[in-house]
Amino acid sequence: MARSTREAILTAAAELMRHRGYAAVGMKDIAHASGAPIGSLYHHFRGGKVQIAREALINAGAAYGLLIPTLIDEYDDLGQAIEGVFAQAAEDMASTGFANMCPVASVAAEVADTVAELRETSASVFRGWIEGGAAYFAARGLDGARARDVTLAIVGALEGAFVLARTLRSTEPLLAAGRTLALQYRGVTLARVSAAAVGPR
């Protein structure tokens, strides 16, 4: 099924921000990348670039929020699961030429003190990841506090390692972070649960 013009614009904006951040992406860039006439951008998004960025971050955030649970589903040992997540992130990052793996973090770091609407949107996405991750780990047998701590540790370590990996053009930060974090949780058993118990993905 063909994507709508609106979807094409949001997808293009997210991909551009993943590579360049927010300030370096202009409306002409989004029009060119999406294949939409620039007039269509303003037709669909009367709030202009900020609205496009906000909605693109929300969409991308929802998709990225599913990645960690999806990768961890196959594991019974939390430490092995964490190491697997970071190894997959390293592989994906290398295969994209060390493009930033997360548009939300790219924009959040850039506009935290300059564009309040996008800071708030980024914060909302991060909260969604934390709450969703904590619910996932709780459904797999971790107590509430530990489930939240594990989620924060994984997300925080991933985002920091992405910055180092991109700057150094090396997967070492991701692999080292995964190995080190995995040591703390190796031997922690994850319960098998049905998709219904974890909630919608």
N, C-alpha and C. Protein backbone atom coordinates (compact mmCIF):
# COMPACT_ATOMS: atom_id res chain seq x y z
N MET A 1 0.85 -1.19 0.00
CA MET A 1 0.00 0.00 0.00
C MET A 1 0.89 1.25 0.00
N ALA A 2 0.56 2.19 -0.86
CA ALA A 2 1.35 3.42 -0.96
C ALA A 2 1.17 4.26 0.30
N ARG A 3 2.26 4.90 0.69
CA ARG A 3 2.18 5.79 1.85
C ARG A 3 1.48 7.06 1.46
N SER A 4 0.80 7.68 2.40
CA SER A 4 0.20 8.98 2.16
C SER A 4 1.30 10.04 2.13
N THR A 5 0.95 11.20 1.56
CA THR A 5 1.91 12.30 1.52
C THR A 5 2.34 12.69 2.93
N ARG A 6 1.39 12.70 3.84
CA ARG A 6 1.69 13.07 5.23
C ARG A 6 2.69 12.08 5.85
N GLU A 7 2.46 10.79 5.63
CA GLU A 7 3.37 9.78 6.17
C GLU A 7 4.76 9.90 5.55
N ALA A 8 4.80 10.17 4.24
CA ALA A 8 6.09 10.32 3.55
C ALA A 8 6.87 11.50 4.12
N ILE A 9 6.18 12.58 4.42
CA ILE A 9 6.83 13.76 4.98
C ILE A 9 7.41 13.45 6.36
N LEU A 10 6.62 12.79 7.20
CA LEU A 10 7.08 12.48 8.55
C LEU A 10 8.24 11.48 8.54
N THR A 11 8.16 10.50 7.67
CA THR A 11 9.25 9.53 7.57
C THR A 11 10.53 10.19 7.11
N ALA A 12 10.41 11.05 6.10
CA ALA A 12 11.59 11.76 5.59
C ALA A 12 12.18 12.67 6.65
N ALA A 13 11.33 13.37 7.38
CA ALA A 13 11.81 14.28 8.43
C ALA A 13 12.55 13.52 9.52
N ALA A 14 12.00 12.38 9.94
CA ALA A 14 12.66 11.58 10.98
C ALA A 14 14.02 11.10 10.52
N GLU A 15 14.10 10.65 9.28
CA GLU A 15 15.37 10.13 8.77
C GLU A 15 16.40 11.26 8.64
N LEU A 16 15.97 12.42 8.18
CA LEU A 16 16.89 13.57 8.07
C LEU A 16 17.38 13.99 9.45
N MET A 17 16.49 14.03 10.43
CA MET A 17 16.90 14.43 11.78
C MET A 17 17.80 13.39 12.42
N ARG A 18 17.60 12.14 12.07
CA ARG A 18 18.47 11.07 12.59
C ARG A 18 19.91 11.32 12.16
N HIS A 19 20.08 11.80 10.95
CA HIS A 19 21.43 12.04 10.41
C HIS A 19 21.98 13.42 10.76
N ARG A 20 21.10 14.44 10.78
CA ARG A 20 21.59 15.82 10.85
C ARG A 20 21.17 16.58 12.11
N GLY A 21 20.23 16.04 12.87
CA GLY A 21 19.67 16.82 13.96
C GLY A 21 18.54 17.70 13.45
N TYR A 22 18.18 18.70 14.21
CA TYR A 22 17.03 19.54 13.87
C TYR A 22 17.40 20.79 13.08
N ALA A 23 18.36 21.56 13.56
CA ALA A 23 18.65 22.86 12.96
C ALA A 23 19.14 22.74 11.52
N ALA A 24 19.85 21.68 11.21
CA ALA A 24 20.45 21.54 9.87
C ALA A 24 19.46 21.03 8.83
N VAL A 25 18.23 20.74 9.24
CA VAL A 25 17.21 20.26 8.31
C VAL A 25 16.24 21.38 8.00
N GLY A 26 16.12 21.72 6.73
CA GLY A 26 15.20 22.77 6.30
C GLY A 26 13.96 22.19 5.64
N MET A 27 12.97 23.03 5.45
CA MET A 27 11.74 22.59 4.79
C MET A 27 12.02 22.09 3.38
N LYS A 28 12.94 22.72 2.67
CA LYS A 28 13.28 22.26 1.32
C LYS A 28 13.90 20.87 1.36
N ASP A 29 14.70 20.61 2.39
CA ASP A 29 15.29 19.28 2.54
C ASP A 29 14.20 18.22 2.72
N ILE A 30 13.22 18.55 3.55
CA ILE A 30 12.12 17.60 3.81
C ILE A 30 11.30 17.39 2.55
N ALA A 31 11.03 18.47 1.82
CA ALA A 31 10.27 18.36 0.57
C ALA A 31 11.01 17.46 -0.42
N HIS A 32 12.31 17.68 -0.56
CA HIS A 32 13.09 16.89 -1.51
C HIS A 32 13.14 15.42 -1.10
N ALA A 33 13.38 15.16 0.18
CA ALA A 33 13.51 13.78 0.65
C ALA A 33 12.19 13.02 0.60
N SER A 34 11.09 13.72 0.80
CA SER A 34 9.78 13.07 0.82
C SER A 34 9.15 12.98 -0.56
N GLY A 35 9.64 13.81 -1.50
CA GLY A 35 9.04 13.86 -2.83
C GLY A 35 7.77 14.67 -2.88
N ALA A 36 7.48 15.38 -1.82
CA ALA A 36 6.27 16.20 -1.75
C ALA A 36 6.59 17.65 -2.12
N PRO A 37 5.72 18.33 -2.85
CA PRO A 37 5.92 19.75 -3.10
C PRO A 37 5.96 20.52 -1.79
N ILE A 38 6.75 21.57 -1.75
CA ILE A 38 6.88 22.28 -0.48
C ILE A 38 5.55 22.84 0.01
N GLY A 39 4.66 23.16 -0.94
CA GLY A 39 3.34 23.62 -0.53
C GLY A 39 2.57 22.58 0.24
N SER A 40 2.83 21.29 -0.06
CA SER A 40 2.15 20.21 0.65
C SER A 40 2.58 20.14 2.11
N LEU A 41 3.83 20.52 2.35
CA LEU A 41 4.30 20.50 3.74
C LEU A 41 3.48 21.45 4.59
N TYR A 42 3.25 22.64 4.05
CA TYR A 42 2.49 23.64 4.81
C TYR A 42 0.99 23.32 4.81
N HIS A 43 0.54 22.62 3.79
CA HIS A 43 -0.87 22.21 3.76
C HIS A 43 -1.15 21.19 4.87
N HIS A 44 -0.25 20.21 4.99
CA HIS A 44 -0.46 19.16 5.98
C HIS A 44 0.00 19.56 7.38
N PHE A 45 0.94 20.50 7.45
CA PHE A 45 1.51 20.89 8.74
C PHE A 45 1.55 22.41 8.82
N ARG A 46 0.45 22.98 9.26
CA ARG A 46 0.35 24.44 9.30
C ARG A 46 1.30 25.05 10.33
N GLY A 47 1.78 24.23 11.26
CA GLY A 47 2.75 24.71 12.23
C GLY A 47 4.17 24.69 11.71
N GLY A 48 4.34 24.32 10.45
CA GLY A 48 5.66 24.38 9.82
C GLY A 48 6.62 23.32 10.34
N LYS A 49 7.88 23.68 10.34
CA LYS A 49 8.95 22.73 10.66
C LYS A 49 8.83 22.17 12.08
N VAL A 50 8.45 23.00 13.03
CA VAL A 50 8.34 22.51 14.41
C VAL A 50 7.26 21.43 14.51
N GLN A 51 6.13 21.64 13.84
CA GLN A 51 5.07 20.63 13.89
C GLN A 51 5.50 19.35 13.21
N ILE A 52 6.16 19.48 12.06
CA ILE A 52 6.65 18.28 11.37
C ILE A 52 7.61 17.52 12.27
N ALA A 53 8.56 18.24 12.86
CA ALA A 53 9.54 17.60 13.74
C ALA A 53 8.86 16.93 14.92
N ARG A 54 7.91 17.62 15.52
CA ARG A 54 7.22 17.06 16.69
C ARG A 54 6.51 15.76 16.33
N GLU A 55 5.75 15.76 15.25
CA GLU A 55 5.00 14.56 14.88
C GLU A 55 5.93 13.45 14.40
N ALA A 56 7.02 13.83 13.73
CA ALA A 56 8.00 12.82 13.28
C ALA A 56 8.66 12.15 14.48
N LEU A 57 8.95 12.92 15.52
CA LEU A 57 9.57 12.35 16.71
C LEU A 57 8.61 11.42 17.44
N ILE A 58 7.35 11.80 17.50
CA ILE A 58 6.34 10.95 18.15
C ILE A 58 6.24 9.61 17.42
N ASN A 59 6.16 9.66 16.07
CA ASN A 59 6.07 8.44 15.28
C ASN A 59 7.32 7.57 15.43
N ALA A 60 8.48 8.21 15.30
CA ALA A 60 9.74 7.47 15.42
C ALA A 60 9.88 6.89 16.82
N GLY A 61 9.50 7.67 17.82
CA GLY A 61 9.60 7.20 19.20
C GLY A 61 8.76 5.97 19.45
N ALA A 62 7.57 5.93 18.87
CA ALA A 62 6.70 4.76 19.03
C ALA A 62 7.35 3.52 18.42
N ALA A 63 7.95 3.70 17.25
CA ALA A 63 8.60 2.56 16.58
C ALA A 63 9.84 2.11 17.35
N TYR A 64 10.67 3.05 17.78
CA TYR A 64 11.89 2.70 18.50
C TYR A 64 11.57 2.06 19.85
N GLY A 65 10.46 2.46 20.44
CA GLY A 65 10.08 1.91 21.74
C GLY A 65 9.79 0.42 21.70
N LEU A 66 9.52 -0.11 20.51
CA LEU A 66 9.23 -1.55 20.38
C LEU A 66 10.49 -2.38 20.20
N LEU A 67 11.61 -1.74 19.88
CA LEU A 67 12.81 -2.49 19.50
C LEU A 67 13.36 -3.35 20.63
N ILE A 68 13.56 -2.75 21.80
CA ILE A 68 14.20 -3.50 22.89
C ILE A 68 13.35 -4.71 23.31
N PRO A 69 12.05 -4.54 23.57
CA PRO A 69 11.26 -5.73 23.91
C PRO A 69 11.29 -6.79 22.82
N THR A 70 11.24 -6.36 21.57
CA THR A 70 11.25 -7.32 20.47
C THR A 70 12.54 -8.12 20.46
N LEU A 71 13.66 -7.45 20.68
CA LEU A 71 14.96 -8.14 20.70
C LEU A 71 15.11 -9.05 21.91
N ILE A 72 14.52 -8.64 23.03
CA ILE A 72 14.71 -9.39 24.29
C ILE A 72 13.77 -10.58 24.40
N ASP A 73 12.66 -10.57 23.66
CA ASP A 73 11.66 -11.64 23.77
C ASP A 73 12.25 -13.04 23.73
N GLU A 74 13.26 -13.27 22.91
CA GLU A 74 13.77 -14.63 22.71
C GLU A 74 14.66 -15.11 23.85
N TYR A 75 15.04 -14.21 24.77
CA TYR A 75 15.99 -14.57 25.82
C TYR A 75 15.29 -14.93 27.12
N ASP A 76 15.92 -15.84 27.88
CA ASP A 76 15.46 -16.17 29.23
C ASP A 76 16.38 -15.58 30.29
N ASP A 77 17.59 -15.20 29.91
CA ASP A 77 18.56 -14.64 30.85
C ASP A 77 18.72 -13.15 30.54
N LEU A 78 18.52 -12.31 31.54
CA LEU A 78 18.54 -10.86 31.33
C LEU A 78 19.92 -10.37 30.88
N GLY A 79 20.98 -10.92 31.47
CA GLY A 79 22.32 -10.50 31.07
C GLY A 79 22.60 -10.81 29.61
N GLN A 80 22.25 -12.01 29.18
CA GLN A 80 22.43 -12.37 27.78
C GLN A 80 21.58 -11.50 26.87
N ALA A 81 20.38 -11.18 27.33
CA ALA A 81 19.49 -10.33 26.54
C ALA A 81 20.10 -8.95 26.33
N ILE A 82 20.63 -8.38 27.40
CA ILE A 82 21.23 -7.05 27.30
C ILE A 82 22.42 -7.06 26.36
N GLU A 83 23.28 -8.06 26.49
CA GLU A 83 24.44 -8.15 25.60
C GLU A 83 23.98 -8.30 24.15
N GLY A 84 22.91 -9.06 23.93
CA GLY A 84 22.37 -9.23 22.59
C GLY A 84 21.83 -7.95 22.00
N VAL A 85 21.17 -7.15 22.82
CA VAL A 85 20.63 -5.86 22.36
C VAL A 85 21.75 -4.94 21.90
N PHE A 86 22.80 -4.85 22.70
CA PHE A 86 23.91 -3.95 22.35
C PHE A 86 24.69 -4.47 21.14
N ALA A 87 24.82 -5.79 21.03
CA ALA A 87 25.50 -6.36 19.86
C ALA A 87 24.71 -6.06 18.59
N GLN A 88 23.39 -6.18 18.67
CA GLN A 88 22.56 -5.87 17.50
C GLN A 88 22.63 -4.39 17.16
N ALA A 89 22.65 -3.54 18.16
CA ALA A 89 22.77 -2.10 17.93
C ALA A 89 24.09 -1.77 17.24
N ALA A 90 25.16 -2.44 17.69
CA ALA A 90 26.48 -2.22 17.08
C ALA A 90 26.47 -2.65 15.62
N GLU A 91 25.87 -3.79 15.35
CA GLU A 91 25.81 -4.28 13.97
C GLU A 91 25.01 -3.33 13.09
N ASP A 92 23.86 -2.88 13.61
CA ASP A 92 23.02 -1.96 12.83
C ASP A 92 23.72 -0.64 12.58
N MET A 93 24.41 -0.13 13.58
CA MET A 93 25.07 1.16 13.42
C MET A 93 26.20 1.07 12.41
N ALA A 94 26.98 0.01 12.47
CA ALA A 94 28.07 -0.16 11.52
C ALA A 94 27.54 -0.28 10.09
N SER A 95 26.40 -0.98 9.95
CA SER A 95 25.84 -1.21 8.61
C SER A 95 25.27 0.06 7.99
N THR A 96 25.01 1.08 8.81
CA THR A 96 24.49 2.35 8.29
C THR A 96 25.59 3.40 8.15
N GLY A 97 26.83 2.98 8.31
CA GLY A 97 27.92 3.95 8.21
C GLY A 97 27.99 4.88 9.41
N PHE A 98 27.55 4.37 10.56
CA PHE A 98 27.59 5.10 11.83
C PHE A 98 26.68 6.33 11.82
N ALA A 99 25.55 6.20 11.14
CA ALA A 99 24.51 7.21 11.27
C ALA A 99 23.94 7.11 12.67
N ASN A 100 23.49 8.24 13.20
CA ASN A 100 22.88 8.21 14.53
C ASN A 100 21.67 7.30 14.47
N MET A 101 21.54 6.40 15.43
CA MET A 101 20.47 5.42 15.39
C MET A 101 19.14 5.95 15.93
N CYS A 102 19.14 7.14 16.51
CA CYS A 102 17.92 7.60 17.17
C CYS A 102 17.67 9.08 16.91
N PRO A 103 16.65 9.42 16.11
CA PRO A 103 16.35 10.83 15.87
C PRO A 103 15.90 11.57 17.12
N VAL A 104 15.26 10.86 18.04
CA VAL A 104 14.74 11.52 19.24
C VAL A 104 15.90 12.05 20.08
N ALA A 105 16.90 11.22 20.30
CA ALA A 105 18.04 11.66 21.09
C ALA A 105 18.82 12.76 20.39
N SER A 106 18.93 12.66 19.06
CA SER A 106 19.64 13.70 18.30
C SER A 106 19.00 15.07 18.53
N VAL A 107 17.70 15.11 18.41
CA VAL A 107 16.99 16.38 18.56
C VAL A 107 16.96 16.82 20.01
N ALA A 108 16.74 15.88 20.93
CA ALA A 108 16.65 16.24 22.35
C ALA A 108 17.92 16.93 22.82
N ALA A 109 19.06 16.40 22.45
CA ALA A 109 20.33 16.99 22.90
C ALA A 109 20.54 18.37 22.31
N GLU A 110 20.03 18.57 21.10
CA GLU A 110 20.26 19.83 20.39
C GLU A 110 19.34 20.95 20.87
N VAL A 111 18.08 20.62 21.15
CA VAL A 111 17.09 21.68 21.38
C VAL A 111 16.62 21.75 22.83
N ALA A 112 17.28 21.06 23.74
CA ALA A 112 16.81 20.99 25.12
C ALA A 112 16.57 22.36 25.73
N ASP A 113 17.37 23.34 25.35
CA ASP A 113 17.23 24.67 25.94
C ASP A 113 16.79 25.74 24.94
N THR A 114 16.39 25.31 23.72
CA THR A 114 16.06 26.31 22.70
C THR A 114 14.67 26.19 22.11
N VAL A 115 14.15 24.98 21.98
CA VAL A 115 12.82 24.80 21.38
C VAL A 115 11.98 24.00 22.38
N ALA A 116 11.24 24.71 23.20
CA ALA A 116 10.53 24.07 24.31
C ALA A 116 9.58 22.98 23.84
N GLU A 117 8.88 23.21 22.74
CA GLU A 117 7.89 22.24 22.28
C GLU A 117 8.56 20.91 21.92
N LEU A 118 9.73 20.98 21.30
CA LEU A 118 10.42 19.75 20.92
C LEU A 118 11.10 19.10 22.12
N ARG A 119 11.55 19.91 23.09
CA ARG A 119 12.09 19.32 24.32
C ARG A 119 11.01 18.54 25.03
N GLU A 120 9.81 19.13 25.10
CA GLU A 120 8.70 18.46 25.78
C GLU A 120 8.28 17.20 25.04
N THR A 121 8.30 17.27 23.70
CA THR A 121 7.96 16.08 22.91
C THR A 121 8.98 14.98 23.14
N SER A 122 10.26 15.34 23.11
CA SER A 122 11.32 14.36 23.35
C SER A 122 11.19 13.75 24.74
N ALA A 123 10.90 14.59 25.72
CA ALA A 123 10.72 14.09 27.09
C ALA A 123 9.56 13.12 27.16
N SER A 124 8.48 13.42 26.44
CA SER A 124 7.31 12.54 26.44
C SER A 124 7.66 11.19 25.81
N VAL A 125 8.44 11.22 24.73
CA VAL A 125 8.86 9.97 24.09
C VAL A 125 9.73 9.16 25.05
N PHE A 126 10.69 9.81 25.69
CA PHE A 126 11.57 9.11 26.63
C PHE A 126 10.75 8.50 27.77
N ARG A 127 9.79 9.27 28.30
CA ARG A 127 8.95 8.74 29.37
C ARG A 127 8.19 7.51 28.89
N GLY A 128 7.71 7.55 27.65
CA GLY A 128 7.00 6.41 27.09
C GLY A 128 7.89 5.18 27.01
N TRP A 129 9.15 5.39 26.60
CA TRP A 129 10.09 4.27 26.55
C TRP A 129 10.31 3.69 27.94
N ILE A 130 10.49 4.57 28.92
CA ILE A 130 10.78 4.12 30.28
C ILE A 130 9.59 3.37 30.86
N GLU A 131 8.41 3.94 30.70
CA GLU A 131 7.21 3.29 31.24
C GLU A 131 6.92 1.98 30.52
N GLY A 132 7.07 2.00 29.19
CA GLY A 132 6.83 0.78 28.42
C GLY A 132 7.83 -0.30 28.74
N GLY A 133 9.10 0.09 28.85
CA GLY A 133 10.14 -0.89 29.19
C GLY A 133 9.95 -1.46 30.57
N ALA A 134 9.61 -0.59 31.53
CA ALA A 134 9.39 -1.05 32.90
C ALA A 134 8.22 -2.02 32.96
N ALA A 135 7.16 -1.73 32.21
CA ALA A 135 6.00 -2.64 32.18
C ALA A 135 6.38 -3.98 31.55
N TYR A 136 7.20 -3.92 30.52
CA TYR A 136 7.64 -5.15 29.86
C TYR A 136 8.45 -6.03 30.81
N PHE A 137 9.43 -5.43 31.47
CA PHE A 137 10.28 -6.21 32.37
C PHE A 137 9.49 -6.69 33.59
N ALA A 138 8.53 -5.89 34.04
CA ALA A 138 7.69 -6.34 35.16
C ALA A 138 6.86 -7.55 34.74
N ALA A 139 6.36 -7.53 33.49
CA ALA A 139 5.59 -8.66 32.99
C ALA A 139 6.45 -9.91 32.85
N ARG A 140 7.75 -9.71 32.77
CA ARG A 140 8.66 -10.85 32.64
C ARG A 140 9.30 -11.22 33.98
N GLY A 141 8.72 -10.70 35.06
CA GLY A 141 9.08 -11.21 36.38
C GLY A 141 9.92 -10.32 37.26
N LEU A 142 10.37 -9.17 36.77
CA LEU A 142 11.16 -8.27 37.62
C LEU A 142 10.22 -7.43 38.48
N ASP A 143 10.64 -7.11 39.71
CA ASP A 143 9.80 -6.25 40.53
C ASP A 143 9.83 -4.83 39.94
N GLY A 144 8.86 -4.02 40.34
CA GLY A 144 8.66 -2.72 39.72
C GLY A 144 9.88 -1.82 39.71
N ALA A 145 10.55 -1.69 40.85
CA ALA A 145 11.70 -0.80 40.94
C ALA A 145 12.84 -1.30 40.06
N ARG A 146 13.07 -2.61 40.09
CA ARG A 146 14.17 -3.16 39.30
C ARG A 146 13.85 -3.06 37.81
N ALA A 147 12.60 -3.27 37.45
CA ALA A 147 12.20 -3.18 36.04
C ALA A 147 12.46 -1.77 35.50
N ARG A 148 12.17 -0.77 36.31
CA ARG A 148 12.42 0.61 35.89
C ARG A 148 13.93 0.90 35.82
N ASP A 149 14.67 0.43 36.81
CA ASP A 149 16.12 0.64 36.81
C ASP A 149 16.78 0.01 35.59
N VAL A 150 16.38 -1.21 35.26
CA VAL A 150 16.94 -1.90 34.11
C VAL A 150 16.64 -1.12 32.82
N THR A 151 15.42 -0.65 32.71
CA THR A 151 15.04 0.11 31.52
C THR A 151 15.86 1.38 31.40
N LEU A 152 15.97 2.13 32.48
CA LEU A 152 16.75 3.37 32.45
C LEU A 152 18.21 3.09 32.13
N ALA A 153 18.76 2.02 32.70
CA ALA A 153 20.16 1.68 32.45
C ALA A 153 20.38 1.33 30.98
N ILE A 154 19.49 0.55 30.41
CA ILE A 154 19.65 0.15 29.00
C ILE A 154 19.51 1.36 28.08
N VAL A 155 18.46 2.14 28.27
CA VAL A 155 18.24 3.29 27.40
C VAL A 155 19.38 4.31 27.53
N GLY A 156 19.76 4.60 28.77
CA GLY A 156 20.83 5.57 28.99
C GLY A 156 22.15 5.10 28.40
N ALA A 157 22.48 3.83 28.61
CA ALA A 157 23.74 3.30 28.09
C ALA A 157 23.73 3.25 26.57
N LEU A 158 22.61 2.87 25.98
CA LEU A 158 22.52 2.85 24.52
C LEU A 158 22.72 4.23 23.92
N GLU A 159 22.01 5.21 24.46
CA GLU A 159 22.08 6.55 23.87
C GLU A 159 23.48 7.13 24.02
N GLY A 160 24.12 6.93 25.16
CA GLY A 160 25.48 7.42 25.34
C GLY A 160 26.46 6.69 24.43
N ALA A 161 26.28 5.38 24.29
CA ALA A 161 27.18 4.60 23.43
C ALA A 161 26.98 4.96 21.96
N PHE A 162 25.75 5.31 21.58
CA PHE A 162 25.52 5.75 20.20
C PHE A 162 26.35 7.00 19.88
N VAL A 163 26.38 7.94 20.81
CA VAL A 163 27.15 9.17 20.59
C VAL A 163 28.63 8.86 20.42
N LEU A 164 29.16 8.04 21.32
CA LEU A 164 30.58 7.67 21.24
C LEU A 164 30.88 6.89 19.96
N ALA A 165 30.02 5.93 19.64
CA ALA A 165 30.25 5.11 18.46
C ALA A 165 30.23 5.95 17.19
N ARG A 166 29.28 6.87 17.13
CA ARG A 166 29.18 7.71 15.93
C ARG A 166 30.40 8.61 15.81
N THR A 167 30.84 9.17 16.92
CA THR A 167 31.98 10.09 16.90
C THR A 167 33.28 9.37 16.59
N LEU A 168 33.47 8.20 17.22
CA LEU A 168 34.70 7.44 17.05
C LEU A 168 34.69 6.56 15.80
N ARG A 169 33.50 6.43 15.17
CA ARG A 169 33.34 5.50 14.05
C ARG A 169 33.81 4.10 14.44
N SER A 170 33.28 3.67 15.57
CA SER A 170 33.67 2.38 16.12
C SER A 170 32.50 1.77 16.87
N THR A 171 32.35 0.46 16.77
CA THR A 171 31.30 -0.22 17.53
C THR A 171 31.75 -0.55 18.95
N GLU A 172 33.02 -0.27 19.27
CA GLU A 172 33.55 -0.64 20.58
C GLU A 172 32.71 -0.09 21.74
N PRO A 173 32.28 1.19 21.72
CA PRO A 173 31.50 1.69 22.85
C PRO A 173 30.22 0.89 23.09
N LEU A 174 29.54 0.49 22.03
CA LEU A 174 28.31 -0.28 22.19
C LEU A 174 28.59 -1.68 22.72
N LEU A 175 29.59 -2.32 22.16
CA LEU A 175 29.90 -3.68 22.61
C LEU A 175 30.41 -3.68 24.05
N ALA A 176 31.24 -2.71 24.40
CA ALA A 176 31.77 -2.64 25.76
C ALA A 176 30.65 -2.33 26.76
N ALA A 177 29.77 -1.41 26.40
CA ALA A 177 28.65 -1.08 27.29
C ALA A 177 27.76 -2.29 27.49
N GLY A 178 27.50 -3.02 26.41
CA GLY A 178 26.66 -4.21 26.52
C GLY A 178 27.28 -5.28 27.41
N ARG A 179 28.57 -5.54 27.21
CA ARG A 179 29.25 -6.56 28.03
C ARG A 179 29.24 -6.17 29.50
N THR A 180 29.54 -4.90 29.76
CA THR A 180 29.67 -4.44 31.15
C THR A 180 28.32 -4.44 31.86
N LEU A 181 27.30 -3.94 31.18
CA LEU A 181 25.96 -3.91 31.79
C LEU A 181 25.42 -5.33 31.95
N ALA A 182 25.74 -6.20 31.01
CA ALA A 182 25.26 -7.58 31.08
C ALA A 182 25.79 -8.31 32.30
N LEU A 183 27.01 -7.99 32.72
CA LEU A 183 27.61 -8.66 33.87
C LEU A 183 26.75 -8.50 35.13
N GLN A 184 26.15 -7.32 35.27
CA GLN A 184 25.35 -7.04 36.46
C GLN A 184 24.08 -7.90 36.51
N TYR A 185 23.59 -8.29 35.34
CA TYR A 185 22.29 -8.96 35.29
C TYR A 185 22.36 -10.40 34.80
N ARG A 186 23.56 -10.91 34.55
CA ARG A 186 23.67 -12.30 34.11
C ARG A 186 23.18 -13.22 35.22
N GLY A 187 22.38 -14.18 34.85
CA GLY A 187 21.81 -15.10 35.84
C GLY A 187 20.44 -14.68 36.32
N VAL A 188 20.00 -13.47 35.96
CA VAL A 188 18.63 -13.04 36.31
C VAL A 188 17.68 -13.62 35.27
N THR A 189 16.80 -14.48 35.71
CA THR A 189 15.90 -15.18 34.79
C THR A 189 14.70 -14.32 34.42
N LEU A 190 14.40 -14.31 33.13
CA LEU A 190 13.21 -13.63 32.63
C LEU A 190 12.12 -14.66 32.40
N ALA A 191 10.94 -14.40 32.96
CA ALA A 191 9.83 -15.32 32.78
C ALA A 191 9.31 -15.25 31.35
N ARG A 192 8.79 -16.34 30.90
CA ARG A 192 8.11 -16.37 29.61
C ARG A 192 6.67 -15.92 29.82
N VAL A 193 6.25 -14.95 29.03
CA VAL A 193 4.88 -14.47 29.17
C VAL A 193 4.25 -14.37 27.79
N SER A 194 2.93 -14.38 27.77
CA SER A 194 2.22 -14.23 26.51
C SER A 194 2.24 -12.78 26.09
N ALA A 195 1.97 -12.52 24.81
CA ALA A 195 1.91 -11.16 24.30
C ALA A 195 0.82 -10.37 25.03
N ALA A 196 -0.26 -11.04 25.40
CA ALA A 196 -1.35 -10.35 26.08
C ALA A 196 -0.93 -9.84 27.43
N ALA A 197 -0.03 -10.58 28.10
CA ALA A 197 0.42 -10.16 29.43
C ALA A 197 1.30 -8.95 29.35
N VAL A 198 2.07 -8.83 28.25
CA VAL A 198 2.96 -7.68 28.11
C VAL A 198 2.21 -6.45 27.65
N GLY A 199 1.13 -6.67 26.91
CA GLY A 199 0.36 -5.54 26.40
C GLY A 199 0.63 -5.35 24.91
N PRO A 200 -0.09 -4.41 24.28
CA PRO A 200 0.05 -4.22 22.84
C PRO A 200 1.42 -3.71 22.47
N ARG A 201 1.91 -4.14 21.32
CA ARG A 201 3.20 -3.69 20.79
C ARG A 201 2.98 -2.74 19.63
